[in-house]
Structures are given as C-alpha cells and as structure tokens.
C-alpha cells in the first residue's frame, strides 16, 4: 500500500496543480475553487490540532473563523471609507495590508479562544461540545446585533487587501498566498505533534491520570492547544473574507463549525493532511454535484457515513492502510 508521506506529497501536488492548470487553460474559476479548498483546509488544520491531538470536539470553532473574518472586514472597511475605527482618546485607522490584517486576526482569534477555552475546558465530553456551541452562538448573535457593520447583512469589502510585491486581485497570486500559509500551518502542526508538548497533549487525550502522575496538568496543555487552534482558524477566516470580499454572521454559525468537523473526519482525525483531503472532497462535491442537485449534501452525508463505517482513519487512513511512515 502507498505510504502516508507519499500520499501527502501527492495531495499537496494535486492542490497546486489544479490552479496552475486553470491558469494555463484560462479558467480562473478553477483557481478560485482551489483557493477556497486551501482556505477551508487551513481552518480545518486549526481544528485538527485540537480534535486530533487533544481530543477536543469543538462545535464552536466557526467563532474563531468569524472573528478573523470580521477583523479583516472591519479593518478594510475603515481603510476604504477613510474613517477611523475609534476616535478620541485613541484613533485607530483601518488598513488594507494583508500582513497587518493577519496579525490582528490571529491575535483577536487567539484571545477569543483563550477566553472561551479557559471556561469550556473546565468541562469535558458532551458538556464541552455544548458550551463551545453556546459561545459560538453568542458571538453569532453579537455580530447580528452590530448595525455599524451591517448586522445580519454583513460587510462588503470592495477591494481585495494588498500584499507587498503581489497583485492580489489576480486569482493565481492570491492562491499562492493561501497555499503558502496552508503549508506553514501544516508544518507548525507537524512540529507540534512530534514535540514534547504534542506528545504530552496526546497522552492527556488517552489518559489524564497518567499525565497528572508525572506532574503535568492536562488543562494547561489543552488550553494552549485550543488557543493555537483558534489562531490558525482565525487566520483562515481573514483569508476567506478576502476571497469573498464579504463578511457576515454566517461565518460564525454552528453549521460552519459542523462542516469543519466533517472535513477533519472525512480526511482523517489526527492525520496531517486529513483536513486538506476533506476540504478538497467537500469543494468537489459542492461544485460539481451542486450543479446537479440542490440536495448535494446527501452525497456528502453518504461519503461521511462510508468513511465512519469502513475507514476509521478517514480517507487517508483507508488509502494508506493505517501506515504513517
């Protein structure tokens, strides 16, 4: 059977080849599809860090996705309207600089994850799932109640934000940005998984009592992992806002949180490239089958059912027969 590292290289190569083919064939929509898959994969990489390593089933991860998206949307809105975000005594101007927006999005999402995680991680099991859902819905309704930023209608970003040296209005350079950030997030996820911190987090998932006996507090491990997870997902939200040039409360909905979990489960919980495979399959079904039927999610549900029943390691686990070498 094919080894997992070979399959990982094949998956990353395929994700890169699709937009290059779209550029050659003058089919920019193919580049947009690949960009969407890369961004959703980045969000799922963040969730996979908490779910795969820490065993934390979060049904409110879209909250961090939305916080990152709103950070990008609000900063861009104020920059385009030439109005400050805050007046006296502190004046904060908007910006269209992608690196600065990413920094704000990551920090805001990390702080949100810190606050939510500090309370949620005092519970476990189904209680943890429900309290993350509750926090996510709180932020959702908070966004709905923001008339200054569109309320339920959301915020439009009229011009895509800028990155030094690249024309981000063109599909291929913007895809390249998303692809590189996805690669960096995957590298970070891999480094964490093989680090002493990652090994301790995995051990806490398997047996809290044994971890405590060696003087390690599982709560702290999980909180750090949850914050990193939220920060990565928030970065994906900022990119998603730029892709669509639009931000709305839908980015914080529990439906989107459920989709992130589906992406991770489809590809393989705890598998490095699991989120990428899951996101690729999701975008494929959404685009090609969505044109056939409005009920295309039936096919997604069938695929998820088959994976859960016959491929416990997800699509990657099934294709590699459990090999991780």
Protein backbone atom coordinates (compact mmCIF):
# COMPACT_ATOMS: atom_id res chain seq x y z
CA UNK A 1 0.00 0.00 0.00
CA UNK A 2 1.01 3.59 -0.56
CA UNK A 3 2.78 5.19 2.39
CA UNK A 4 1.23 8.20 4.06
CA UNK A 5 4.09 10.57 3.34
CA UNK A 6 3.85 9.74 -0.38
CA UNK A 7 0.11 10.33 -0.33
CA UNK A 8 0.64 13.63 1.49
CA UNK A 9 3.03 14.79 -1.23
CA UNK A 10 0.54 13.70 -3.90
CA UNK A 11 -2.29 15.64 -2.23
CA UNK A 12 -0.25 18.84 -1.93
CA UNK A 13 0.92 18.43 -5.52
CA UNK A 14 -2.65 17.98 -6.76
CA UNK A 15 -3.81 21.09 -4.87
CA UNK A 16 -1.02 23.06 -6.53
CA UNK A 17 -1.55 21.55 -9.99
CA UNK A 18 -5.25 22.45 -10.18
CA UNK A 19 -4.84 26.26 -10.19
CA UNK A 20 -1.80 26.01 -12.47
CA UNK A 21 -3.93 24.07 -14.93
CA UNK A 22 -6.69 26.66 -14.51
CA UNK A 23 -4.21 29.43 -15.30
CA UNK A 24 -2.96 27.61 -18.40
CA UNK A 25 -6.50 26.82 -19.58
CA UNK A 26 -7.67 30.38 -18.82
CA UNK A 27 -10.22 29.06 -16.34
CA UNK A 28 -9.91 31.43 -13.35
CA UNK A 29 -12.84 29.80 -11.60
CA UNK A 30 -10.74 26.65 -11.13
CA UNK A 31 -8.16 28.78 -9.33
CA UNK A 32 -10.90 30.19 -7.10
CA UNK A 33 -12.10 26.66 -6.24
CA UNK A 34 -8.56 25.62 -5.30
CA UNK A 35 -8.20 28.78 -3.19
CA UNK A 36 -11.45 28.02 -1.39
CA UNK A 37 -10.27 24.47 -0.70
CA UNK A 38 -6.93 25.74 0.66
CA UNK A 39 -8.65 28.21 3.00
CA UNK A 40 -11.13 25.66 4.32
CA UNK A 41 -8.26 23.21 4.76
CA UNK A 42 -6.36 25.84 6.78
CA UNK A 43 -9.38 26.30 9.07
CA UNK A 44 -9.67 22.53 9.47
CA UNK A 45 -5.93 22.25 10.23
CA UNK A 46 -6.60 24.50 13.21
CA UNK A 47 -9.49 22.33 14.37
CA UNK A 48 -7.49 19.14 13.77
CA UNK A 49 -4.87 20.35 16.21
CA UNK A 50 -7.47 20.48 18.98
CA UNK A 51 -9.53 17.49 17.83
CA UNK A 52 -6.83 15.16 16.56
CA UNK A 53 -4.15 15.73 19.19
CA UNK A 54 -6.22 16.93 22.13
CA UNK A 55 -9.46 15.03 21.56
CA UNK A 56 -11.42 18.29 21.89
CA UNK A 57 -14.64 18.13 19.88
CA UNK A 58 -15.41 21.82 19.44
CA UNK A 59 -18.76 22.74 17.90
CA UNK A 60 -17.97 26.44 18.12
CA UNK A 61 -14.79 26.71 16.06
CA UNK A 62 -16.54 28.86 13.47
CA UNK A 63 -16.47 31.58 16.14
CA UNK A 64 -12.72 31.98 15.61
CA UNK A 65 -13.18 31.77 11.84
CA UNK A 66 -15.71 34.59 12.08
CA UNK A 67 -13.60 36.68 14.44
CA UNK A 68 -10.73 36.53 11.94
CA UNK A 69 -13.08 37.36 9.10
CA UNK A 70 -14.59 40.34 10.89
CA UNK A 71 -11.12 41.60 11.85
CA UNK A 72 -10.22 41.66 8.15
CA UNK A 73 -13.57 43.11 7.08
CA UNK A 74 -13.68 45.88 9.68
CA UNK A 75 -10.08 46.98 9.09
CA UNK A 76 -10.60 47.02 5.32
CA UNK A 77 -13.92 48.84 5.63
CA UNK A 78 -12.43 51.69 7.64
CA UNK A 79 -9.44 51.93 5.32
CA UNK A 80 -11.67 52.14 2.24
CA UNK A 81 -14.04 54.68 3.80
CA UNK A 82 -11.15 56.74 5.23
CA UNK A 83 -12.78 56.77 8.66
CA UNK A 84 -11.06 55.75 11.90
CA UNK A 85 -12.31 52.77 13.88
CA UNK A 86 -12.20 54.74 17.12
CA UNK A 87 -12.00 58.46 17.88
CA UNK A 88 -10.89 60.32 21.00
CA UNK A 89 -8.90 59.50 23.04
CA UNK A 90 -7.41 56.84 20.72
CA UNK A 91 -7.65 56.95 16.94
CA UNK A 92 -7.21 53.62 15.17
CA UNK A 93 -7.08 53.69 11.40
CA UNK A 94 -8.09 50.83 9.14
CA UNK A 95 -5.64 49.12 6.83
CA UNK A 96 -5.57 47.11 3.61
CA UNK A 97 -2.20 45.50 4.34
CA UNK A 98 -2.64 41.73 4.46
CA UNK A 99 0.25 41.01 6.89
CA UNK A 100 -1.09 43.56 9.38
CA UNK A 101 -4.64 42.28 8.99
CA UNK A 102 -3.45 38.70 9.52
CA UNK A 103 -1.68 39.76 12.71
CA UNK A 104 -4.83 41.41 14.06
CA UNK A 105 -6.97 38.44 13.03
CA UNK A 106 -4.64 35.93 14.68
CA UNK A 107 -4.37 37.93 17.90
CA UNK A 108 -8.13 38.55 18.09
CA UNK A 109 -8.92 34.88 17.43
CA UNK A 110 -6.32 33.71 19.93
CA UNK A 111 -7.77 36.00 22.61
CA UNK A 112 -11.28 34.73 21.84
CA UNK A 113 -10.01 31.14 22.07
CA UNK A 114 -8.28 31.93 25.36
CA UNK A 115 -11.45 33.29 26.91
CA UNK A 116 -13.70 30.54 25.56
CA UNK A 117 -11.19 27.78 26.26
CA UNK A 118 -10.48 28.92 29.81
CA UNK A 119 -14.12 28.28 30.70
CA UNK A 120 -15.02 25.46 28.30
CA UNK A 121 -12.06 23.26 29.22
CA UNK A 122 -13.29 23.05 32.80
CA UNK A 123 -15.87 20.65 31.38
CA UNK A 124 -15.46 17.54 29.23
CA UNK A 125 -17.36 15.26 26.89
CA UNK A 126 -20.77 16.39 25.73
CA UNK A 127 -20.67 19.36 28.14
CA UNK A 128 -17.58 20.70 26.38
CA UNK A 129 -19.29 20.28 23.00
CA UNK A 130 -22.36 22.17 24.16
CA UNK A 131 -20.54 25.02 25.88
CA UNK A 132 -18.38 25.68 22.79
CA UNK A 133 -21.60 25.67 20.76
CA UNK A 134 -23.13 28.17 23.20
CA UNK A 135 -20.14 30.53 22.99
CA UNK A 136 -20.16 30.31 19.21
CA UNK A 137 -23.85 31.23 19.07
CA UNK A 138 -23.26 34.13 21.47
CA UNK A 139 -20.69 35.60 19.08
CA UNK A 140 -23.00 34.90 16.15
CA UNK A 141 -25.82 36.94 17.66
CA UNK A 142 -23.34 39.61 18.73
CA UNK A 143 -22.36 40.02 15.05
CA UNK A 144 -26.05 40.14 14.05
CA UNK A 145 -26.52 42.98 16.54
CA UNK A 146 -23.77 45.16 15.03
CA UNK A 147 -25.61 47.68 12.82
CA UNK A 148 -22.41 49.66 12.23
CA UNK A 149 -21.02 46.64 10.39
CA UNK A 150 -24.09 45.53 8.50
CA UNK A 151 -25.76 43.47 11.20
CA UNK A 152 -27.34 40.40 9.65
CA UNK A 153 -26.49 41.65 6.13
CA UNK A 154 -22.74 41.67 6.77
CA UNK A 155 -19.93 43.87 5.44
CA UNK A 156 -18.72 44.18 1.85
CA UNK A 157 -15.00 44.60 1.10
CA UNK A 158 -14.84 46.48 -2.19
CA UNK A 159 -11.15 45.96 -2.97
CA UNK A 160 -9.07 42.94 -2.02
CA UNK A 161 -6.41 43.74 0.55
CA UNK A 162 -2.80 44.15 -0.56
CA UNK A 163 0.33 42.06 -0.13
CA UNK A 164 3.76 43.62 -0.87
CA UNK A 165 5.05 42.71 -4.33
CA UNK A 166 1.96 40.80 -5.46
CA UNK A 167 -1.18 41.72 -7.35
CA UNK A 168 -3.75 40.07 -5.09
CA UNK A 169 -6.58 40.98 -7.45
CA UNK A 170 -5.35 38.25 -9.77
CA UNK A 171 -6.52 34.75 -8.75
CA UNK A 172 -3.19 32.92 -9.00
CA UNK A 173 -1.10 35.20 -6.71
CA UNK A 174 -3.87 35.13 -4.11
CA UNK A 175 -3.97 31.34 -4.31
CA UNK A 176 -0.19 31.28 -3.85
CA UNK A 177 -0.56 33.28 -0.62
CA UNK A 178 -3.20 30.88 0.72
CA UNK A 179 -1.20 27.83 -0.35
CA UNK A 180 1.98 29.03 1.38
CA UNK A 181 0.09 29.84 4.59
CA UNK A 182 -1.53 26.40 4.48
CA UNK A 183 1.91 24.83 4.10
CA UNK A 184 3.25 26.80 7.06
CA UNK A 185 0.26 25.78 9.18
CA UNK A 186 0.81 22.12 8.25
CA UNK A 187 4.50 22.45 9.14
CA UNK A 188 3.57 24.00 12.50
CA UNK A 189 1.02 21.25 13.13
CA UNK A 190 3.59 18.57 12.36
CA UNK A 191 6.24 20.19 14.58
CA UNK A 192 3.75 20.41 17.44
CA UNK A 193 2.70 16.77 17.02
CA UNK A 194 6.28 15.48 17.35
CA UNK A 195 7.31 17.94 20.09
CA UNK A 196 7.25 17.10 23.82
CA UNK A 197 4.19 19.37 24.11
CA UNK A 198 2.35 17.45 21.38
CA UNK A 199 3.26 14.08 22.86
CA UNK A 200 2.06 15.21 26.28
CA UNK A 201 -1.18 16.52 24.75
CA UNK A 202 -1.75 13.20 23.01
CA UNK A 203 -1.04 11.37 26.24
CA UNK A 204 -3.57 13.55 28.08
CA UNK A 205 -6.15 12.59 25.49
CA UNK A 206 -5.54 8.91 26.19
CA UNK A 207 -5.18 9.02 29.97
CA UNK A 208 -5.42 12.15 32.12
CA UNK A 209 -4.50 10.26 35.29
CA UNK A 210 -1.16 9.07 33.91
CA UNK A 211 -0.25 12.56 32.75
CA UNK A 212 -1.03 14.00 36.17
CA UNK A 213 1.15 11.41 37.87
CA UNK A 214 4.21 12.80 36.09
CA UNK A 215 3.38 16.36 37.17
CA UNK A 216 1.73 17.68 34.00
CA UNK A 217 -1.61 19.48 34.19
CA UNK A 218 -3.85 18.45 31.23
CA UNK A 219 -5.91 21.64 31.50
CA UNK A 220 -2.94 23.84 30.62
CA UNK A 221 -1.91 21.62 27.72
CA UNK A 222 -5.40 21.70 26.26
CA UNK A 223 -5.78 25.45 26.75
CA UNK A 224 -2.55 26.18 24.85
CA UNK A 225 -3.59 23.79 22.07
CA UNK A 226 -7.05 25.39 21.92
CA UNK A 227 -5.57 28.89 21.62
CA UNK A 228 -3.18 27.85 18.82
CA UNK A 229 -6.05 26.06 17.12
CA UNK A 230 -8.27 29.14 17.30
CA UNK A 231 -5.50 31.40 15.99
CA UNK A 232 -4.96 29.23 12.89
CA UNK A 233 -8.69 29.08 12.21
CA UNK A 234 -8.92 32.86 12.63
CA UNK A 235 -6.21 33.34 10.01
CA UNK A 236 -8.27 31.21 7.64
CA UNK A 237 -11.27 33.45 8.36
CA UNK A 238 -9.31 36.55 7.33
CA UNK A 239 -8.33 34.88 4.05
CA UNK A 240 -11.92 33.76 3.47
CA UNK A 241 -13.11 37.34 3.90
CA UNK A 242 -10.61 38.47 1.28
CA UNK A 243 -11.60 35.68 -1.09
CA UNK A 244 -15.29 36.59 -1.00
CA UNK A 245 -14.78 40.29 -0.29
CA UNK A 246 -17.61 39.90 2.15
CA UNK A 247 -18.10 39.13 5.85
CA UNK A 248 -21.36 38.13 7.52
CA UNK A 249 -22.56 36.46 10.74
CA UNK A 250 -22.84 33.21 8.74
CA UNK A 251 -19.09 32.85 9.24
CA UNK A 252 -19.77 32.31 12.96
CA UNK A 253 -22.68 29.88 12.61
CA UNK A 254 -22.68 26.43 14.19
CA UNK A 255 -23.43 24.96 10.75
CA UNK A 256 -19.95 26.02 9.63
CA UNK A 257 -18.44 24.53 12.80
CA UNK A 258 -20.10 21.25 11.88
CA UNK A 259 -18.65 21.47 8.37
CA UNK A 260 -15.14 21.89 9.80
CA UNK A 261 -15.62 18.71 11.84
CA UNK A 262 -16.85 16.91 8.72
CA UNK A 263 -13.71 17.99 6.83
CA UNK A 264 -11.45 16.59 9.54
CA UNK A 265 -13.37 13.32 9.87
CA UNK A 266 -13.50 12.78 6.09
CA UNK A 267 -9.76 13.21 5.66
CA UNK A 268 -8.78 11.53 8.91
CA UNK A 269 -8.79 12.77 12.50
CA UNK A 270 -5.23 13.39 13.63
CA UNK A 271 -3.82 12.86 10.11
CA UNK A 272 -1.56 15.69 8.97
CA UNK A 273 -3.12 16.10 5.52
CA UNK A 274 -6.57 14.93 6.62
CA UNK A 275 -8.03 18.47 6.57
CA UNK A 276 -6.69 19.07 3.05
CA UNK A 277 -8.23 15.87 1.69
CA UNK A 278 -11.52 16.59 3.45
CA UNK A 279 -11.65 20.18 2.17
CA UNK A 280 -10.82 19.07 -1.36
CA UNK A 281 -13.60 16.48 -1.37
CA UNK A 282 -16.05 18.97 0.13
CA UNK A 283 -15.35 21.62 -2.53
CA UNK A 284 -15.51 18.97 -5.27
CA UNK A 285 -18.93 17.76 -4.16
CA UNK A 286 -20.18 21.30 -3.59
CA UNK A 287 -19.21 22.46 -7.07
CA UNK A 288 -19.80 19.50 -9.34
CA UNK A 289 -22.73 17.86 -7.59
CA UNK A 290 -24.21 21.19 -6.55
CA UNK A 291 -24.85 21.87 -10.21
CA UNK A 292 -26.78 18.61 -10.49
CA UNK A 293 -28.95 18.88 -7.41
CA UNK A 294 -29.70 21.36 -4.64
CA UNK A 295 -29.52 18.39 -2.28
CA UNK A 296 -25.85 17.62 -2.95
CA UNK A 297 -25.18 17.31 0.77
CA UNK A 298 -26.92 13.94 0.62
CA UNK A 299 -23.86 12.69 -1.24
CA UNK A 300 -21.59 14.32 1.33
CA UNK A 301 -23.53 12.57 4.09
CA UNK A 302 -23.19 9.24 2.27
CA UNK A 303 -19.44 9.76 1.91
CA UNK A 304 -19.14 10.61 5.59
CA UNK A 305 -21.15 7.53 6.55
CA UNK A 306 -18.93 5.27 4.46
CA UNK A 307 -15.78 6.77 5.97
CA UNK A 308 -17.04 6.37 9.54
CA UNK A 309 -18.13 2.76 8.95
CA UNK A 310 -15.28 1.44 6.82
CA UNK A 311 -12.32 3.82 7.15
CA UNK A 312 -11.81 4.75 10.78
CA UNK A 313 -8.65 6.65 9.86
CA UNK A 314 -10.50 8.72 7.28
CA UNK A 315 -9.74 8.67 3.58
CA UNK A 316 -6.01 8.92 4.26
CA UNK A 317 -6.14 6.05 6.75
CA UNK A 318 -8.10 3.94 4.28
CA UNK A 319 -5.76 4.62 1.37
CA UNK A 320 -2.59 4.00 3.39
CA UNK A 321 -3.97 1.02 5.34
CA UNK A 322 -3.02 2.74 8.60
CA UNK A 323 0.62 3.33 7.61
CA UNK A 324 2.09 6.59 8.91
CA UNK A 325 5.64 6.07 7.69
